[in-house]
């Protein structure tokens, strides 16, 4: 069984714009309470691919904030695979959690797309914890 979950994020709207609850401390396990790293990721053309890797020591959460992204997950041990689409231009944002040893790739289905990514551990070039795995 692939270690991932999909949950909906709360969007608060008023005359100034909107704010989305991306991730709250009580929504993560105690092992993730220490700040890892937050990324803002852009896709500058249709069919741009990001990811194509897995991690052995970190978990991640993703939310598309604009555009549309095809998501591909594959458990590297069982080869079980899941595919779905995240819509960033919607009134309801969907947050995706992906666990360790789950390969993941994101493909832009629109000319431009953006997402926010939280990793449970920071990236260090000296110890990247990135293992390439081609999905797309």
C-alpha atoms as a PDB file:
ATOM      1  CA  UNK A   1       0.000   0.000   0.000  1.00  0.00           C
ATOM      2  CA  UNK A   2       1.413   3.391  -1.026  1.00  0.00           C
ATOM      3  CA  UNK A   3       2.121   5.692   1.917  1.00  0.00           C
ATOM      4  CA  UNK A   4       0.169   8.809   0.933  1.00  0.00           C
ATOM      5  CA  UNK A   5      -2.947  10.722   1.966  1.00  0.00           C
ATOM      6  CA  UNK A   6      -5.088  13.424   0.401  1.00  0.00           C
ATOM      7  CA  UNK A   7      -6.804  16.052   2.540  1.00  0.00           C
ATOM      8  CA  UNK A   8      -8.582  19.316   1.807  1.00  0.00           C
ATOM      9  CA  UNK A   9      -7.158  22.619   3.010  1.00  0.00           C
ATOM     10  CA  UNK A  10      -9.333  25.399   4.389  1.00  0.00           C
ATOM     11  CA  UNK A  11      -9.597  28.560   2.288  1.00  0.00           C
ATOM     12  CA  UNK A  12     -10.549  31.803   4.078  1.00  0.00           C
ATOM     13  CA  UNK A  13     -11.798  34.550   1.736  1.00  0.00           C
ATOM     14  CA  UNK A  14     -12.667  38.199   2.336  1.00  0.00           C
ATOM     15  CA  UNK A  15     -12.488  41.494   0.405  1.00  0.00           C
ATOM     16  CA  UNK A  16      -8.657  41.494   0.575  1.00  0.00           C
ATOM     17  CA  UNK A  17      -8.208  38.097  -1.076  1.00  0.00           C
ATOM     18  CA  UNK A  18      -7.772  34.685   0.475  1.00  0.00           C
ATOM     19  CA  UNK A  19      -5.547  32.701   2.814  1.00  0.00           C
ATOM     20  CA  UNK A  20      -5.202  28.912   2.729  1.00  0.00           C
ATOM     21  CA  UNK A  21      -4.312  26.786   5.762  1.00  0.00           C
ATOM     22  CA  UNK A  22      -1.515  24.723   4.250  1.00  0.00           C
ATOM     23  CA  UNK A  23      -0.383  22.614   7.203  1.00  0.00           C
ATOM     24  CA  UNK A  24      -1.048  22.864  10.938  1.00  0.00           C
ATOM     25  CA  UNK A  25       1.187  21.471  13.669  1.00  0.00           C
ATOM     26  CA  UNK A  26      -1.532  19.223  15.056  1.00  0.00           C
ATOM     27  CA  UNK A  27      -1.926  17.607  11.615  1.00  0.00           C
ATOM     28  CA  UNK A  28       1.573  16.119  11.620  1.00  0.00           C
ATOM     29  CA  UNK A  29       3.073  13.320  13.631  1.00  0.00           C
ATOM     30  CA  UNK A  30       5.423  14.175  16.528  1.00  0.00           C
ATOM     31  CA  UNK A  31       8.406  13.049  14.416  1.00  0.00           C
ATOM     32  CA  UNK A  32       7.650  15.934  12.013  1.00  0.00           C
ATOM     33  CA  UNK A  33       7.283  18.705  14.598  1.00  0.00           C
ATOM     34  CA  UNK A  34      10.771  20.028  13.854  1.00  0.00           C
ATOM     35  CA  UNK A  35      10.796  22.422  10.880  1.00  0.00           C
ATOM     36  CA  UNK A  36      12.206  20.778   7.783  1.00  0.00           C
ATOM     37  CA  UNK A  37      12.028  23.002   4.712  1.00  0.00           C
ATOM     38  CA  UNK A  38       9.357  24.863   2.740  1.00  0.00           C
ATOM     39  CA  UNK A  39       9.591  25.232  -1.035  1.00  0.00           C
ATOM     40  CA  UNK A  40       7.697  27.365  -3.533  1.00  0.00           C
ATOM     41  CA  UNK A  41       7.852  25.491  -6.855  1.00  0.00           C
ATOM     42  CA  UNK A  42       7.003  26.825 -10.314  1.00  0.00           C
ATOM     43  CA  UNK A  43       6.380  25.128 -13.645  1.00  0.00           C
ATOM     44  CA  UNK A  44       7.041  27.537 -16.517  1.00  0.00           C
ATOM     45  CA  UNK A  45       5.682  25.476 -19.418  1.00  0.00           C
ATOM     46  CA  UNK A  46       3.120  22.800 -20.155  1.00  0.00           C
ATOM     47  CA  UNK A  47       4.445  19.244 -19.641  1.00  0.00           C
ATOM     48  CA  UNK A  48       7.327  20.404 -17.411  1.00  0.00           C
ATOM     49  CA  UNK A  49       8.245  17.583 -14.998  1.00  0.00           C
ATOM     50  CA  UNK A  50       9.519  17.908 -11.449  1.00  0.00           C
ATOM     51  CA  UNK A  51      10.373  15.142  -9.037  1.00  0.00           C
ATOM     52  CA  UNK A  52      11.088  11.723 -10.530  1.00  0.00           C
ATOM     53  CA  UNK A  53      12.677  10.693  -7.246  1.00  0.00           C
ATOM     54  CA  UNK A  54      12.002   9.335  -3.764  1.00  0.00           C
ATOM     55  CA  UNK A  55      13.386   9.921  -0.296  1.00  0.00           C
ATOM     56  CA  UNK A  56      14.489   7.397   2.316  1.00  0.00           C
ATOM     57  CA  UNK A  57      14.494   9.786   5.273  1.00  0.00           C
ATOM     58  CA  UNK A  58      11.902  12.510   4.703  1.00  0.00           C
ATOM     59  CA  UNK A  59       8.176  12.871   4.156  1.00  0.00           C
ATOM     60  CA  UNK A  60       6.575  15.639   2.103  1.00  0.00           C
ATOM     61  CA  UNK A  61       3.310  17.537   1.689  1.00  0.00           C
ATOM     62  CA  UNK A  62       2.262  19.264  -1.562  1.00  0.00           C
ATOM     63  CA  UNK A  63      -0.465  21.737  -2.578  1.00  0.00           C
ATOM     64  CA  UNK A  64      -0.974  23.094  -6.112  1.00  0.00           C
ATOM     65  CA  UNK A  65      -1.750  26.811  -5.793  1.00  0.00           C
ATOM     66  CA  UNK A  66      -2.202  27.608  -9.487  1.00  0.00           C
ATOM     67  CA  UNK A  67      -2.566  25.646 -12.691  1.00  0.00           C
ATOM     68  CA  UNK A  68      -3.066  21.890 -12.941  1.00  0.00           C
ATOM     69  CA  UNK A  69      -0.560  19.176 -12.085  1.00  0.00           C
ATOM     70  CA  UNK A  70      -0.676  15.482 -12.867  1.00  0.00           C
ATOM     71  CA  UNK A  71       0.722  13.573  -9.884  1.00  0.00           C
ATOM     72  CA  UNK A  72       2.303  10.135 -10.156  1.00  0.00           C
ATOM     73  CA  UNK A  73       3.230   8.099  -7.069  1.00  0.00           C
ATOM     74  CA  UNK A  74       4.849   4.665  -7.026  1.00  0.00           C
ATOM     75  CA  UNK A  75       5.848   2.567  -4.034  1.00  0.00           C
ATOM     76  CA  UNK A  76       9.427   1.583  -4.886  1.00  0.00           C
ATOM     77  CA  UNK A  77       9.093  -1.808  -3.185  1.00  0.00           C
ATOM     78  CA  UNK A  78       5.641  -3.024  -4.267  1.00  0.00           C
ATOM     79  CA  UNK A  79       5.484  -1.045  -7.561  1.00  0.00           C
ATOM     80  CA  UNK A  80       1.911  -0.020  -6.690  1.00  0.00           C
ATOM     81  CA  UNK A  81       1.149   3.160  -8.621  1.00  0.00           C
ATOM     82  CA  UNK A  82      -1.372   6.019  -8.259  1.00  0.00           C
ATOM     83  CA  UNK A  83      -2.090   8.903 -10.633  1.00  0.00           C
ATOM     84  CA  UNK A  84      -4.388  11.889 -10.129  1.00  0.00           C
ATOM     85  CA  UNK A  85      -4.637  15.613 -10.864  1.00  0.00           C
ATOM     86  CA  UNK A  86      -4.209  18.529  -8.450  1.00  0.00           C
ATOM     87  CA  UNK A  87      -6.103  21.706  -9.396  1.00  0.00           C
ATOM     88  CA  UNK A  88      -4.615  24.948  -8.116  1.00  0.00           C
ATOM     89  CA  UNK A  89      -7.244  27.263  -9.581  1.00  0.00           C
ATOM     90  CA  UNK A  90     -10.177  26.183  -7.463  1.00  0.00           C
ATOM     91  CA  UNK A  91     -12.110  27.146  -4.369  1.00  0.00           C
ATOM     92  CA  UNK A  92     -10.988  23.963  -2.630  1.00  0.00           C
ATOM     93  CA  UNK A  93      -7.303  23.189  -2.267  1.00  0.00           C
ATOM     94  CA  UNK A  94      -6.140  19.606  -1.874  1.00  0.00           C
ATOM     95  CA  UNK A  95      -3.058  18.722   0.158  1.00  0.00           C
ATOM     96  CA  UNK A  96      -1.167  15.529  -0.631  1.00  0.00           C
ATOM     97  CA  UNK A  97       1.129  13.756   1.824  1.00  0.00           C
ATOM     98  CA  UNK A  98       3.753  11.380   0.417  1.00  0.00           C
ATOM     99  CA  UNK A  99       5.778   9.133   2.688  1.00  0.00           C
ATOM    100  CA  UNK A 100       9.261   7.708   2.485  1.00  0.00           C
ATOM    101  CA  UNK A 101      10.191   5.299  -0.313  1.00  0.00           C
ATOM    102  CA  UNK A 102       7.366   6.561  -2.517  1.00  0.00           C
ATOM    103  CA  UNK A 103       8.638   7.872  -5.851  1.00  0.00           C
ATOM    104  CA  UNK A 104       6.824  10.995  -6.988  1.00  0.00           C
ATOM    105  CA  UNK A 105       6.613  13.123 -10.108  1.00  0.00           C
ATOM    106  CA  UNK A 106       4.571  16.206 -10.997  1.00  0.00           C
ATOM    107  CA  UNK A 107       3.739  17.142 -14.585  1.00  0.00           C
ATOM    108  CA  UNK A 108       2.292  20.530 -15.495  1.00  0.00           C
ATOM    109  CA  UNK A 109      -0.915  20.190 -17.487  1.00  0.00           C
ATOM    110  CA  UNK A 110      -1.118  23.980 -17.964  1.00  0.00           C
ATOM    111  CA  UNK A 111       1.252  26.591 -19.393  1.00  0.00           C
ATOM    112  CA  UNK A 112       2.093  27.734 -15.850  1.00  0.00           C
ATOM    113  CA  UNK A 113       1.591  26.044 -12.497  1.00  0.00           C
ATOM    114  CA  UNK A 114       2.779  26.607  -8.944  1.00  0.00           C
ATOM    115  CA  UNK A 115       2.858  24.529  -5.796  1.00  0.00           C
ATOM    116  CA  UNK A 116       3.980  24.712  -2.203  1.00  0.00           C
ATOM    117  CA  UNK A 117       5.982  21.811  -0.791  1.00  0.00           C
ATOM    118  CA  UNK A 118       6.884  21.106   2.834  1.00  0.00           C
ATOM    119  CA  UNK A 119       9.591  18.526   3.564  1.00  0.00           C
ATOM    120  CA  UNK A 120      10.000  17.061   7.042  1.00  0.00           C
ATOM    121  CA  UNK A 121      13.785  17.449   6.815  1.00  0.00           C
ATOM    122  CA  UNK A 122      15.902  20.120   5.118  1.00  0.00           C
ATOM    123  CA  UNK A 123      17.849  19.534   1.925  1.00  0.00           C
ATOM    124  CA  UNK A 124      21.625  19.607   2.186  1.00  0.00           C
ATOM    125  CA  UNK A 125      23.801  19.200  -0.894  1.00  0.00           C
ATOM    126  CA  UNK A 126      26.242  17.107   1.171  1.00  0.00           C
ATOM    127  CA  UNK A 127      23.455  14.646   2.110  1.00  0.00           C
ATOM    128  CA  UNK A 128      20.561  15.193  -0.333  1.00  0.00           C
ATOM    129  CA  UNK A 129      18.377  12.110   0.386  1.00  0.00           C
ATOM    130  CA  UNK A 130      17.206  12.196  -3.241  1.00  0.00           C
ATOM    131  CA  UNK A 131      17.136   8.932  -5.176  1.00  0.00           C
ATOM    132  CA  UNK A 132      16.206   9.331  -8.835  1.00  0.00           C
ATOM    133  CA  UNK A 133      13.381   7.130 -10.067  1.00  0.00           C
ATOM    134  CA  UNK A 134      11.841   7.766 -13.478  1.00  0.00           C
ATOM    135  CA  UNK A 135       8.042   7.988 -13.501  1.00  0.00           C
ATOM    136  CA  UNK A 136       7.464  10.543 -16.265  1.00  0.00           C
END
